[in-house]
Amino acid sequence: MEEIRVSPDYNWFRSTVPLKRIIVDDDDSKVWSLYDAGPKSIRCPIIFLPPVSGTAEVFFQQVLALSGWGYRVISLQYPVYWDLLEFCDGFRKLLDNLQLDKVHLFGASLGGFLAQKFAEVTHKSPRVHSLILCNSFSDTSIFNQTWTANSFWLMPGFMLKKIVLGNFAKGPMDPKMADAIDFMVDRLESLNQSELASRLTLNCQNSYVEPHKIKNVAVTIIDVFDQSALSHEAKEEMYKLYPKARRAHLKTGGNFPYLCRSAEVNLYIQIHLRQFHGTRYAAISPEMVSAEELEVQKTNLSSDSESDGES
């Protein structure tokens, strides 16, 4: 089986896209790590937020493909935050530091939950223009661990890793999915005790998304039909929460479709972002969009505004 870590694509990514480290809090130990690829002139990029076990590298296939097509893509890794409001405040400061007014967010699992909470917390002065939620959830109670959320900080690292690995798929699977799990296990090993404990705390402390605060945000929900850590009920809850959301279903892909089904996931991201081409919230360089596509986009925008005026 070809390992992702030694693949040409991953090595190309590591050698061409520099890892940046940014501190935005008074506490110097809180370091945001991120990869920023594509045209820096774009002020509304797409930002990728990883799951509990993930680092900024897990979205390397999205960074390579989308930046190659002219999009500005940022993949990041969170510092240690123990509280959702603290995370949202730190993320807002990061966007200020990067001089980004509004952004598109792609969040996987915990990353998707954090993306929704950030959109909700900043709804009075919106910083999120759209959301792509991959295998994500809207209520932490689905994990039935709200009672242990306050004790993760006490647990040793090996025990925390065991908790996370318990959610990884087991049994027969195709080689690409097996490679994705191997890569995520490798990324999990790179996280220290406080990084893992804080993420599990955010993942499990009692909280839910208030959808009425983010009803004007365009949403695409990406999920898989095969085995994943999310229950059928959790997926149904997401559909109910976002009745107008576009839905992108993958027959297979497990917990990490952005690694093992990257071509399909990248296509869904493109389709989602295409609705903003030709606007000030485009995540793509105008030179990379064909004139024909821009014309179609403008026609759609003008017809939408006319219908809004009539309604």
C-alpha atoms as a PDB file:
ATOM      1  CA  MET A   1       0.000   0.000   0.000  1.00  0.00           C
ATOM      2  CA  GLU A   2       1.312   3.414  -0.919  1.00  0.00           C
ATOM      3  CA  GLU A   3       1.604   5.587   2.156  1.00  0.00           C
ATOM      4  CA  ILE A   4       0.398   9.177   1.855  1.00  0.00           C
ATOM      5  CA  ARG A   5       3.362  10.410   3.887  1.00  0.00           C
ATOM      6  CA  VAL A   6       5.862   9.243   1.253  1.00  0.00           C
ATOM      7  CA  SER A   7       3.684  10.089  -1.761  1.00  0.00           C
ATOM      8  CA  PRO A   8       5.012  12.564  -4.381  1.00  0.00           C
ATOM      9  CA  ASP A   9       1.990  14.868  -3.847  1.00  0.00           C
ATOM     10  CA  TYR A  10       2.583  15.156  -0.112  1.00  0.00           C
ATOM     11  CA  ASN A  11       6.302  15.728  -0.543  1.00  0.00           C
ATOM     12  CA  TRP A  12       5.602  18.357  -3.212  1.00  0.00           C
ATOM     13  CA  PHE A  13       3.195  20.082  -0.822  1.00  0.00           C
ATOM     14  CA  ARG A  14       5.720  20.070   2.051  1.00  0.00           C
ATOM     15  CA  SER A  15       8.500  21.410  -0.178  1.00  0.00           C
ATOM     16  CA  THR A  16       6.492  24.165  -1.925  1.00  0.00           C
ATOM     17  CA  VAL A  17       4.004  25.533   0.633  1.00  0.00           C
ATOM     18  CA  PRO A  18       5.697  27.052   3.721  1.00  0.00           C
ATOM     19  CA  LEU A  19       4.259  26.484   7.206  1.00  0.00           C
ATOM     20  CA  LYS A  20       3.614  29.791   8.994  1.00  0.00           C
ATOM     21  CA  ARG A  21       3.296  30.242  12.745  1.00  0.00           C
ATOM     22  CA  ILE A  22       1.296  33.188  14.101  1.00  0.00           C
ATOM     23  CA  ILE A  23       0.649  34.310  17.688  1.00  0.00           C
ATOM     24  CA  VAL A  24      -2.385  36.578  18.188  1.00  0.00           C
ATOM     25  CA  ASP A  25      -3.038  36.178  21.931  1.00  0.00           C
ATOM     26  CA  ASP A  26      -1.190  37.668  24.901  1.00  0.00           C
ATOM     27  CA  ASP A  27      -0.207  34.102  25.768  1.00  0.00           C
ATOM     28  CA  ASP A  28       2.879  33.296  23.651  1.00  0.00           C
ATOM     29  CA  SER A  29       2.216  29.572  23.903  1.00  0.00           C
ATOM     30  CA  LYS A  30      -0.912  29.878  21.737  1.00  0.00           C
ATOM     31  CA  VAL A  31       0.514  29.445  18.232  1.00  0.00           C
ATOM     32  CA  TRP A  32      -1.640  29.112  15.104  1.00  0.00           C
ATOM     33  CA  SER A  33       0.079  27.019  12.416  1.00  0.00           C
ATOM     34  CA  LEU A  34      -1.112  27.472   8.838  1.00  0.00           C
ATOM     35  CA  TYR A  35      -0.418  26.932   5.166  1.00  0.00           C
ATOM     36  CA  ASP A  36      -1.455  29.837   2.927  1.00  0.00           C
ATOM     37  CA  ALA A  37      -1.391  29.082  -0.821  1.00  0.00           C
ATOM     38  CA  GLY A  38      -2.721  30.867  -3.898  1.00  0.00           C
ATOM     39  CA  PRO A  39      -2.995  34.582  -4.779  1.00  0.00           C
ATOM     40  CA  LYS A  40      -2.562  36.813  -1.709  1.00  0.00           C
ATOM     41  CA  SER A  41      -4.621  39.529  -3.410  1.00  0.00           C
ATOM     42  CA  ILE A  42      -7.755  37.477  -2.607  1.00  0.00           C
ATOM     43  CA  ARG A  43      -9.379  38.910   0.536  1.00  0.00           C
ATOM     44  CA  CYS A  44     -12.035  36.204   1.005  1.00  0.00           C
ATOM     45  CA  PRO A  45     -10.173  32.874   0.875  1.00  0.00           C
ATOM     46  CA  ILE A  46     -11.384  29.436   1.860  1.00  0.00           C
ATOM     47  CA  ILE A  47     -10.020  28.296   5.234  1.00  0.00           C
ATOM     48  CA  PHE A  48      -9.861  24.635   6.276  1.00  0.00           C
ATOM     49  CA  LEU A  49     -10.412  23.583   9.909  1.00  0.00           C
ATOM     50  CA  PRO A  50      -9.291  20.047  10.868  1.00  0.00           C
ATOM     51  CA  PRO A  51     -10.976  17.370  13.031  1.00  0.00           C
ATOM     52  CA  VAL A  52      -9.818  16.388  16.538  1.00  0.00           C
ATOM     53  CA  SER A  53      -7.078  14.104  15.181  1.00  0.00           C
ATOM     54  CA  GLY A  54      -6.009  16.401  12.345  1.00  0.00           C
ATOM     55  CA  THR A  55      -3.267  18.928  11.700  1.00  0.00           C
ATOM     56  CA  ALA A  56      -2.993  21.588   8.979  1.00  0.00           C
ATOM     57  CA  GLU A  57      -1.397  18.953   6.682  1.00  0.00           C
ATOM     58  CA  VAL A  58      -4.529  16.774   6.397  1.00  0.00           C
ATOM     59  CA  PHE A  59      -5.977  19.083   3.718  1.00  0.00           C
ATOM     60  CA  PHE A  60      -2.843  19.071   1.559  1.00  0.00           C
ATOM     61  CA  GLN A  61      -4.725  17.671  -1.455  1.00  0.00           C
ATOM     62  CA  GLN A  62      -7.251  20.531  -1.285  1.00  0.00           C
ATOM     63  CA  VAL A  63      -4.465  23.121  -0.866  1.00  0.00           C
ATOM     64  CA  LEU A  64      -2.567  21.804  -3.901  1.00  0.00           C
ATOM     65  CA  ALA A  65      -5.574  21.381  -6.209  1.00  0.00           C
ATOM     66  CA  LEU A  66      -7.511  24.544  -5.337  1.00  0.00           C
ATOM     67  CA  SER A  67      -4.488  26.873  -5.306  1.00  0.00           C
ATOM     68  CA  GLY A  68      -3.514  25.374  -8.677  1.00  0.00           C
ATOM     69  CA  TRP A  69      -6.919  26.436 -10.022  1.00  0.00           C
ATOM     70  CA  GLY A  70      -6.417  30.005  -8.782  1.00  0.00           C
ATOM     71  CA  TYR A  71      -8.094  29.901  -5.352  1.00  0.00           C
ATOM     72  CA  ARG A  72      -6.519  31.261  -2.195  1.00  0.00           C
ATOM     73  CA  VAL A  73      -6.528  28.423   0.329  1.00  0.00           C
ATOM     74  CA  ILE A  74      -5.536  28.462   3.998  1.00  0.00           C
ATOM     75  CA  SER A  75      -5.287  25.255   6.023  1.00  0.00           C
ATOM     76  CA  LEU A  76      -4.701  25.727   9.717  1.00  0.00           C
ATOM     77  CA  GLN A  77      -4.106  24.072  13.041  1.00  0.00           C
ATOM     78  CA  TYR A  78      -5.497  25.451  16.297  1.00  0.00           C
ATOM     79  CA  PRO A  79      -3.551  26.369  19.412  1.00  0.00           C
ATOM     80  CA  VAL A  80      -4.730  25.034  22.775  1.00  0.00           C
ATOM     81  CA  TYR A  81      -8.130  26.545  23.609  1.00  0.00           C
ATOM     82  CA  TRP A  82     -10.330  25.011  26.324  1.00  0.00           C
ATOM     83  CA  ASP A  83     -13.448  27.075  25.697  1.00  0.00           C
ATOM     84  CA  LEU A  84     -15.515  27.748  22.551  1.00  0.00           C
ATOM     85  CA  LEU A  85     -15.734  31.524  23.093  1.00  0.00           C
ATOM     86  CA  GLU A  86     -11.990  31.636  23.700  1.00  0.00           C
ATOM     87  CA  PHE A  87     -11.455  29.783  20.407  1.00  0.00           C
ATOM     88  CA  CYS A  88     -13.793  32.157  18.528  1.00  0.00           C
ATOM     89  CA  ASP A  89     -11.991  35.183  19.967  1.00  0.00           C
ATOM     90  CA  GLY A  90      -8.599  33.754  18.958  1.00  0.00           C
ATOM     91  CA  PHE A  91      -9.817  32.914  15.438  1.00  0.00           C
ATOM     92  CA  ARG A  92     -11.252  36.418  15.012  1.00  0.00           C
ATOM     93  CA  LYS A  93      -7.875  37.878  16.012  1.00  0.00           C
ATOM     94  CA  LEU A  94      -6.162  35.565  13.513  1.00  0.00           C
ATOM     95  CA  LEU A  95      -8.409  36.842  10.686  1.00  0.00           C
ATOM     96  CA  ASP A  96      -7.623  40.416  11.781  1.00  0.00           C
ATOM     97  CA  ASN A  97      -3.906  39.590  11.746  1.00  0.00           C
ATOM     98  CA  LEU A  98      -4.231  38.169   8.208  1.00  0.00           C
ATOM     99  CA  GLN A  99      -6.309  41.245   7.222  1.00  0.00           C
ATOM    100  CA  LEU A 100      -9.245  39.092   6.141  1.00  0.00           C
ATOM    101  CA  ASP A 101     -12.673  40.666   6.511  1.00  0.00           C
ATOM    102  CA  LYS A 102     -14.855  37.705   5.495  1.00  0.00           C
ATOM    103  CA  VAL A 103     -13.971  34.114   4.686  1.00  0.00           C
ATOM    104  CA  HIS A 104     -15.386  30.808   3.475  1.00  0.00           C
ATOM    105  CA  LEU A 105     -14.895  27.978   5.981  1.00  0.00           C
ATOM    106  CA  PHE A 106     -14.519  24.244   5.302  1.00  0.00           C
ATOM    107  CA  GLY A 107     -14.739  22.305   8.552  1.00  0.00           C
ATOM    108  CA  ALA A 108     -14.329  18.563   9.059  1.00  0.00           C
ATOM    109  CA  SER A 109     -16.056  17.029  12.104  1.00  0.00           C
ATOM    110  CA  LEU A 110     -14.931  19.204  15.082  1.00  0.00           C
ATOM    111  CA  GLY A 111     -13.653  21.748  12.526  1.00  0.00           C
ATOM    112  CA  GLY A 112     -17.175  22.009  11.110  1.00  0.00           C
ATOM    113  CA  PHE A 113     -18.675  22.503  14.566  1.00  0.00           C
ATOM    114  CA  LEU A 114     -16.131  25.251  15.343  1.00  0.00           C
ATOM    115  CA  ALA A 115     -16.864  26.891  11.971  1.00  0.00           C
ATOM    116  CA  GLN A 116     -20.596  27.011  12.791  1.00  0.00           C
ATOM    117  CA  LYS A 117     -19.950  28.375  16.289  1.00  0.00           C
ATOM    118  CA  PHE A 118     -17.624  31.061  14.906  1.00  0.00           C
ATOM    119  CA  ALA A 119     -20.268  32.104  12.348  1.00  0.00           C
ATOM    120  CA  GLU A 120     -22.842  32.200  15.156  1.00  0.00           C
ATOM    121  CA  VAL A 121     -20.675  34.198  17.600  1.00  0.00           C
ATOM    122  CA  THR A 122     -19.744  36.775  14.925  1.00  0.00           C
ATOM    123  CA  HIS A 123     -23.238  37.016  13.378  1.00  0.00           C
ATOM    124  CA  LYS A 124     -23.725  40.674  14.377  1.00  0.00           C
ATOM    125  CA  SER A 125     -20.536  41.626  12.556  1.00  0.00           C
ATOM    126  CA  PRO A 126     -20.298  38.725  10.088  1.00  0.00           C
ATOM    127  CA  ARG A 127     -16.909  37.211   9.317  1.00  0.00           C
ATOM    128  CA  VAL A 128     -18.159  34.026   7.630  1.00  0.00           C
ATOM    129  CA  HIS A 129     -19.573  34.292   4.124  1.00  0.00           C
ATOM    130  CA  SER A 130     -20.205  30.579   3.574  1.00  0.00           C
ATOM    131  CA  LEU A 131     -19.738  27.163   5.175  1.00  0.00           C
ATOM    132  CA  ILE A 132     -18.818  23.719   3.851  1.00  0.00           C
ATOM    133  CA  LEU A 133     -19.460  21.156   6.585  1.00  0.00           C
ATOM    134  CA  CYS A 134     -17.892  17.725   6.076  1.00  0.00           C
ATOM    135  CA  ASN A 135     -18.992  14.846   8.337  1.00  0.00           C
ATOM    136  CA  SER A 136     -19.875  17.491  10.882  1.00  0.00           C
ATOM    137  CA  PHE A 137     -22.384  17.945  13.697  1.00  0.00           C
ATOM    138  CA  SER A 138     -24.345  20.744  15.369  1.00  0.00           C
ATOM    139  CA  ASP A 139     -24.755  19.458  18.931  1.00  0.00           C
ATOM    140  CA  THR A 140     -21.977  17.962  21.080  1.00  0.00           C
ATOM    141  CA  SER A 141     -24.440  15.862  23.097  1.00  0.00           C
ATOM    142  CA  ILE A 142     -24.441  13.266  20.256  1.00  0.00           C
ATOM    143  CA  PHE A 143     -21.158  11.912  21.647  1.00  0.00           C
ATOM    144  CA  ASN A 144     -22.675  11.260  25.111  1.00  0.00           C
ATOM    145  CA  GLN A 145     -19.484  12.526  26.726  1.00  0.00           C
ATOM    146  CA  THR A 146     -20.517  15.925  28.069  1.00  0.00           C
ATOM    147  CA  TRP A 147     -20.042  14.524  31.597  1.00  0.00           C
ATOM    148  CA  THR A 148     -16.368  13.663  30.888  1.00  0.00           C
ATOM    149  CA  ALA A 149     -15.568  16.878  28.981  1.00  0.00           C
ATOM    150  CA  ASN A 150     -14.148  18.566  32.085  1.00  0.00           C
ATOM    151  CA  SER A 151     -11.786  15.704  32.890  1.00  0.00           C
ATOM    152  CA  PHE A 152      -9.922  15.304  29.561  1.00  0.00           C
ATOM    153  CA  TRP A 153      -7.214  17.714  30.774  1.00  0.00           C
ATOM    154  CA  LEU A 154      -6.324  15.219  33.525  1.00  0.00           C
ATOM    155  CA  MET A 155      -5.918  12.195  31.254  1.00  0.00           C
ATOM    156  CA  PRO A 156      -2.517  11.071  29.947  1.00  0.00           C
ATOM    157  CA  GLY A 157      -1.865  11.414  26.206  1.00  0.00           C
ATOM    158  CA  PHE A 158      -1.982   7.668  25.443  1.00  0.00           C
ATOM    159  CA  MET A 159      -5.490   7.434  26.936  1.00  0.00           C
ATOM    160  CA  LEU A 160      -6.722  10.405  24.890  1.00  0.00           C
ATOM    161  CA  LYS A 161      -5.299   8.842  21.713  1.00  0.00           C
ATOM    162  CA  LYS A 162      -7.100   5.608  22.562  1.00  0.00           C
ATOM    163  CA  ILE A 163     -10.405   7.522  22.827  1.00  0.00           C
ATOM    164  CA  VAL A 164      -9.879   9.129  19.384  1.00  0.00           C
ATOM    165  CA  LEU A 165      -8.700   5.889  17.732  1.00  0.00           C
ATOM    166  CA  GLY A 166     -11.886   4.200  18.979  1.00  0.00           C
ATOM    167  CA  ASN A 167     -13.801   6.253  16.390  1.00  0.00           C
ATOM    168  CA  PHE A 168     -11.597   5.199  13.454  1.00  0.00           C
ATOM    169  CA  ALA A 169     -13.064   2.621  11.057  1.00  0.00           C
ATOM    170  CA  LYS A 170     -11.957  -0.999  11.432  1.00  0.00           C
ATOM    171  CA  GLY A 171     -12.308  -4.071   9.257  1.00  0.00           C
ATOM    172  CA  PRO A 172     -11.932  -4.470   5.485  1.00  0.00           C
ATOM    173  CA  MET A 173     -11.774  -1.291   3.396  1.00  0.00           C
ATOM    174  CA  ASP A 174     -10.276  -0.113   0.131  1.00  0.00           C
ATOM    175  CA  PRO A 175      -6.534   0.760   0.081  1.00  0.00           C
ATOM    176  CA  LYS A 176      -7.112   4.522  -0.219  1.00  0.00           C
ATOM    177  CA  MET A 177      -9.273   4.583   2.911  1.00  0.00           C
ATOM    178  CA  ALA A 178      -6.703   2.460   4.764  1.00  0.00           C
ATOM    179  CA  ASP A 179      -3.957   4.896   3.684  1.00  0.00           C
ATOM    180  CA  ALA A 180      -6.069   7.844   4.911  1.00  0.00           C
ATOM    181  CA  ILE A 181      -6.473   6.215   8.341  1.00  0.00           C
ATOM    182  CA  ASP A 182      -2.720   5.477   8.527  1.00  0.00           C
ATOM    183  CA  PHE A 183      -1.990   9.122   7.734  1.00  0.00           C
ATOM    184  CA  MET A 184      -4.466  10.388  10.343  1.00  0.00           C
ATOM    185  CA  VAL A 185      -2.970   8.052  12.979  1.00  0.00           C
ATOM    186  CA  ASP A 186       0.425   9.541  12.112  1.00  0.00           C
ATOM    187  CA  ARG A 187      -0.990  13.083  12.496  1.00  0.00           C
ATOM    188  CA  LEU A 188      -2.633  12.091  15.794  1.00  0.00           C
ATOM    189  CA  GLU A 189       0.745  10.905  17.097  1.00  0.00           C
ATOM    190  CA  SER A 190       2.177  14.381  16.412  1.00  0.00           C
ATOM    191  CA  LEU A 191      -0.292  16.060  18.821  1.00  0.00           C
ATOM    192  CA  ASN A 192       0.738  16.530  22.445  1.00  0.00           C
ATOM    193  CA  GLN A 193      -1.459  15.877  25.497  1.00  0.00           C
ATOM    194  CA  SER A 194      -2.787  19.434  25.914  1.00  0.00           C
ATOM    195  CA  GLU A 195      -3.547  19.817  22.182  1.00  0.00           C
ATOM    196  CA  LEU A 196      -5.567  16.611  22.186  1.00  0.00           C
ATOM    197  CA  ALA A 197      -7.243  17.199  25.558  1.00  0.00           C
ATOM    198  CA  SER A 198      -8.336  20.723  24.586  1.00  0.00           C
ATOM    199  CA  ARG A 199      -9.790  19.558  21.266  1.00  0.00           C
ATOM    200  CA  LEU A 200     -11.707  16.736  22.927  1.00  0.00           C
ATOM    201  CA  THR A 201     -12.986  19.245  25.479  1.00  0.00           C
ATOM    202  CA  LEU A 202     -14.269  21.547  22.716  1.00  0.00           C
ATOM    203  CA  ASN A 203     -15.724  18.505  20.933  1.00  0.00           C
ATOM    204  CA  CYS A 204     -17.646  17.267  23.982  1.00  0.00           C
ATOM    205  CA  GLN A 205     -18.457  20.206  26.290  1.00  0.00           C
ATOM    206  CA  ASN A 206     -22.190  20.864  26.302  1.00  0.00           C
ATOM    207  CA  SER A 207     -22.971  23.143  23.342  1.00  0.00           C
ATOM    208  CA  TYR A 208     -25.125  23.372  20.244  1.00  0.00           C
ATOM    209  CA  VAL A 209     -25.459  25.625  17.196  1.00  0.00           C
ATOM    210  CA  GLU A 210     -28.191  28.272  17.095  1.00  0.00           C
ATOM    211  CA  PRO A 211     -29.173  28.182  13.403  1.00  0.00           C
ATOM    212  CA  HIS A 212     -31.315  31.349  13.382  1.00  0.00           C
ATOM    213  CA  LYS A 213     -28.130  33.375  13.887  1.00  0.00           C
ATOM    214  CA  ILE A 214     -26.509  32.048  10.713  1.00  0.00           C
ATOM    215  CA  LYS A 215     -29.507  31.635   8.444  1.00  0.00           C
ATOM    216  CA  ASN A 216     -28.039  34.007   5.821  1.00  0.00           C
ATOM    217  CA  VAL A 217     -24.842  31.998   5.385  1.00  0.00           C
ATOM    218  CA  ALA A 218     -24.644  29.756   2.278  1.00  0.00           C
ATOM    219  CA  VAL A 219     -24.064  26.146   3.399  1.00  0.00           C
ATOM    220  CA  THR A 220     -22.997  22.930   1.673  1.00  0.00           C
ATOM    221  CA  ILE A 221     -23.113  19.694   3.669  1.00  0.00           C
ATOM    222  CA  ILE A 222     -20.737  16.914   2.570  1.00  0.00           C
ATOM    223  CA  ASP A 223     -21.272  13.493   4.078  1.00  0.00           C
ATOM    224  CA  VAL A 224     -20.650   9.824   3.359  1.00  0.00           C
ATOM    225  CA  PHE A 225     -23.035   6.899   3.087  1.00  0.00           C
ATOM    226  CA  ASP A 226     -20.606   4.337   4.485  1.00  0.00           C
ATOM    227  CA  GLN A 227     -19.240   3.891   8.005  1.00  0.00           C
ATOM    228  CA  SER A 228     -18.204   7.085   9.804  1.00  0.00           C
ATOM    229  CA  ALA A 229     -18.088   8.326  13.382  1.00  0.00           C
ATOM    230  CA  LEU A 230     -21.347  10.225  12.831  1.00  0.00           C
ATOM    231  CA  SER A 231     -24.664   8.553  13.533  1.00  0.00           C
ATOM    232  CA  HIS A 232     -27.580   8.680  11.092  1.00  0.00           C
ATOM    233  CA  GLU A 233     -29.441  10.846  13.626  1.00  0.00           C
ATOM    234  CA  ALA A 234     -26.615  13.409  13.730  1.00  0.00           C
ATOM    235  CA  LYS A 235     -26.703  13.701   9.926  1.00  0.00           C
ATOM    236  CA  GLU A 236     -30.485  14.092   9.907  1.00  0.00           C
ATOM    237  CA  GLU A 237     -30.187  16.821  12.543  1.00  0.00           C
ATOM    238  CA  MET A 238     -27.798  18.747  10.261  1.00  0.00           C
ATOM    239  CA  TYR A 239     -30.269  18.532   7.348  1.00  0.00           C
ATOM    240  CA  LYS A 240     -33.057  19.847   9.577  1.00  0.00           C
ATOM    241  CA  LEU A 241     -30.871  22.671  10.847  1.00  0.00           C
ATOM    242  CA  TYR A 242     -29.974  23.804   7.319  1.00  0.00           C
ATOM    243  CA  PRO A 243     -33.014  23.032   5.139  1.00  0.00           C
ATOM    244  CA  LYS A 244     -31.715  25.232   2.291  1.00  0.00           C
ATOM    245  CA  ALA A 245     -28.214  23.759   2.321  1.00  0.00           C
ATOM    246  CA  ARG A 246     -26.782  22.084  -0.745  1.00  0.00           C
ATOM    247  CA  ARG A 247     -26.118  18.414  -0.051  1.00  0.00           C
ATOM    248  CA  ALA A 248     -23.146  16.521  -1.423  1.00  0.00           C
ATOM    249  CA  HIS A 249     -23.183  12.796  -0.770  1.00  0.00           C
ATOM    250  CA  LEU A 250     -20.271  10.413  -1.235  1.00  0.00           C
ATOM    251  CA  LYS A 251     -21.043   6.695  -1.500  1.00  0.00           C
ATOM    252  CA  THR A 252     -17.848   5.901   0.378  1.00  0.00           C
ATOM    253  CA  GLY A 253     -15.119   7.879   2.089  1.00  0.00           C
ATOM    254  CA  GLY A 254     -15.333   7.063   5.797  1.00  0.00           C
ATOM    255  CA  ASN A 255     -14.263   9.725   8.279  1.00  0.00           C
ATOM    256  CA  PHE A 256     -11.665  11.332   6.010  1.00  0.00           C
ATOM    257  CA  PRO A 257     -13.061  11.743   2.468  1.00  0.00           C
ATOM    258  CA  TYR A 258     -10.843  14.819   1.855  1.00  0.00           C
ATOM    259  CA  LEU A 259      -7.885  12.398   1.926  1.00  0.00           C
ATOM    260  CA  CYS A 260      -9.220   9.251   0.259  1.00  0.00           C
ATOM    261  CA  ARG A 261     -11.850  10.799  -2.070  1.00  0.00           C
ATOM    262  CA  SER A 262     -10.081  14.106  -2.673  1.00  0.00           C
ATOM    263  CA  ALA A 263     -11.088  14.497  -6.339  1.00  0.00           C
ATOM    264  CA  GLU A 264     -14.802  14.291  -5.455  1.00  0.00           C
ATOM    265  CA  VAL A 265     -14.466  16.537  -2.394  1.00  0.00           C
ATOM    266  CA  ASN A 266     -12.486  19.111  -4.409  1.00  0.00           C
ATOM    267  CA  LEU A 267     -15.208  19.123  -7.059  1.00  0.00           C
ATOM    268  CA  TYR A 268     -17.909  19.792  -4.437  1.00  0.00           C
ATOM    269  CA  ILE A 269     -15.804  22.630  -2.990  1.00  0.00           C
ATOM    270  CA  GLN A 270     -15.468  24.158  -6.477  1.00  0.00           C
ATOM    271  CA  ILE A 271     -19.221  23.899  -7.074  1.00  0.00           C
ATOM    272  CA  HIS A 272     -19.868  25.588  -3.723  1.00  0.00           C
ATOM    273  CA  LEU A 273     -17.398  28.437  -4.340  1.00  0.00           C
ATOM    274  CA  ARG A 274     -18.554  29.018  -7.924  1.00  0.00           C
ATOM    275  CA  GLN A 275     -21.678  30.843  -6.718  1.00  0.00           C
ATOM    276  CA  PHE A 276     -19.404  33.684  -5.502  1.00  0.00           C
ATOM    277  CA  HIS A 277     -17.386  34.145  -8.702  1.00  0.00           C
ATOM    278  CA  GLY A 278     -17.520  37.708  -9.981  1.00  0.00           C
ATOM    279  CA  THR A 279     -18.429  39.088  -6.535  1.00  0.00           C
ATOM    280  CA  ARG A 280     -16.197  40.693  -3.891  1.00  0.00           C
ATOM    281  CA  TYR A 281     -16.430  37.420  -1.960  1.00  0.00           C
ATOM    282  CA  ALA A 282     -14.829  35.306  -4.698  1.00  0.00           C
ATOM    283  CA  ALA A 283     -12.104  33.028  -3.335  1.00  0.00           C
ATOM    284  CA  ILE A 284     -10.558  32.751  -6.811  1.00  0.00           C
ATOM    285  CA  SER A 285      -8.382  35.096  -8.833  1.00  0.00           C
ATOM    286  CA  PRO A 286     -10.543  36.781 -11.542  1.00  0.00           C
ATOM    287  CA  GLU A 287      -7.934  35.915 -14.203  1.00  0.00           C
ATOM    288  CA  MET A 288      -8.519  32.223 -13.527  1.00  0.00           C
ATOM    289  CA  VAL A 289     -12.255  32.430 -14.164  1.00  0.00           C
ATOM    290  CA  SER A 290     -13.312  32.207 -17.792  1.00  0.00           C
ATOM    291  CA  ALA A 291     -15.138  35.235 -19.201  1.00  0.00           C
ATOM    292  CA  GLU A 292     -18.068  33.001 -20.138  1.00  0.00           C
ATOM    293  CA  GLU A 293     -18.464  31.736 -16.582  1.00  0.00           C
ATOM    294  CA  LEU A 294     -18.342  35.270 -15.165  1.00  0.00           C
ATOM    295  CA  GLU A 295     -21.065  36.341 -17.602  1.00  0.00           C
ATOM    296  CA  VAL A 296     -23.291  33.443 -16.522  1.00  0.00           C
ATOM    297  CA  GLN A 297     -22.620  34.339 -12.881  1.00  0.00           C
ATOM    298  CA  LYS A 298     -23.573  38.004 -13.396  1.00  0.00           C
ATOM    299  CA  THR A 299     -26.777  36.982 -15.181  1.00  0.00           C
ATOM    300  CA  ASN A 300     -27.673  34.702 -12.264  1.00  0.00           C
ATOM    301  CA  LEU A 301     -26.925  37.451  -9.745  1.00  0.00           C
ATOM    302  CA  SER A 302     -29.071  40.025 -11.548  1.00  0.00           C
ATOM    303  CA  SER A 303     -31.982  37.583 -11.916  1.00  0.00           C
ATOM    304  CA  ASP A 304     -31.660  36.667  -8.206  1.00  0.00           C
ATOM    305  CA  SER A 305     -31.771  40.334  -7.164  1.00  0.00           C
ATOM    306  CA  GLU A 306     -34.806  40.922  -9.410  1.00  0.00           C
ATOM    307  CA  SER A 307     -36.648  37.991  -7.849  1.00  0.00           C
ATOM    308  CA  ASP A 308     -35.657  39.234  -4.373  1.00  0.00           C
ATOM    309  CA  GLY A 309     -37.121  42.624  -5.277  1.00  0.00           C
ATOM    310  CA  GLU A 310     -40.361  41.052  -6.401  1.00  0.00           C
ATOM    311  CA  SER A 311     -40.764  38.885  -3.299  1.00  0.00           C
END
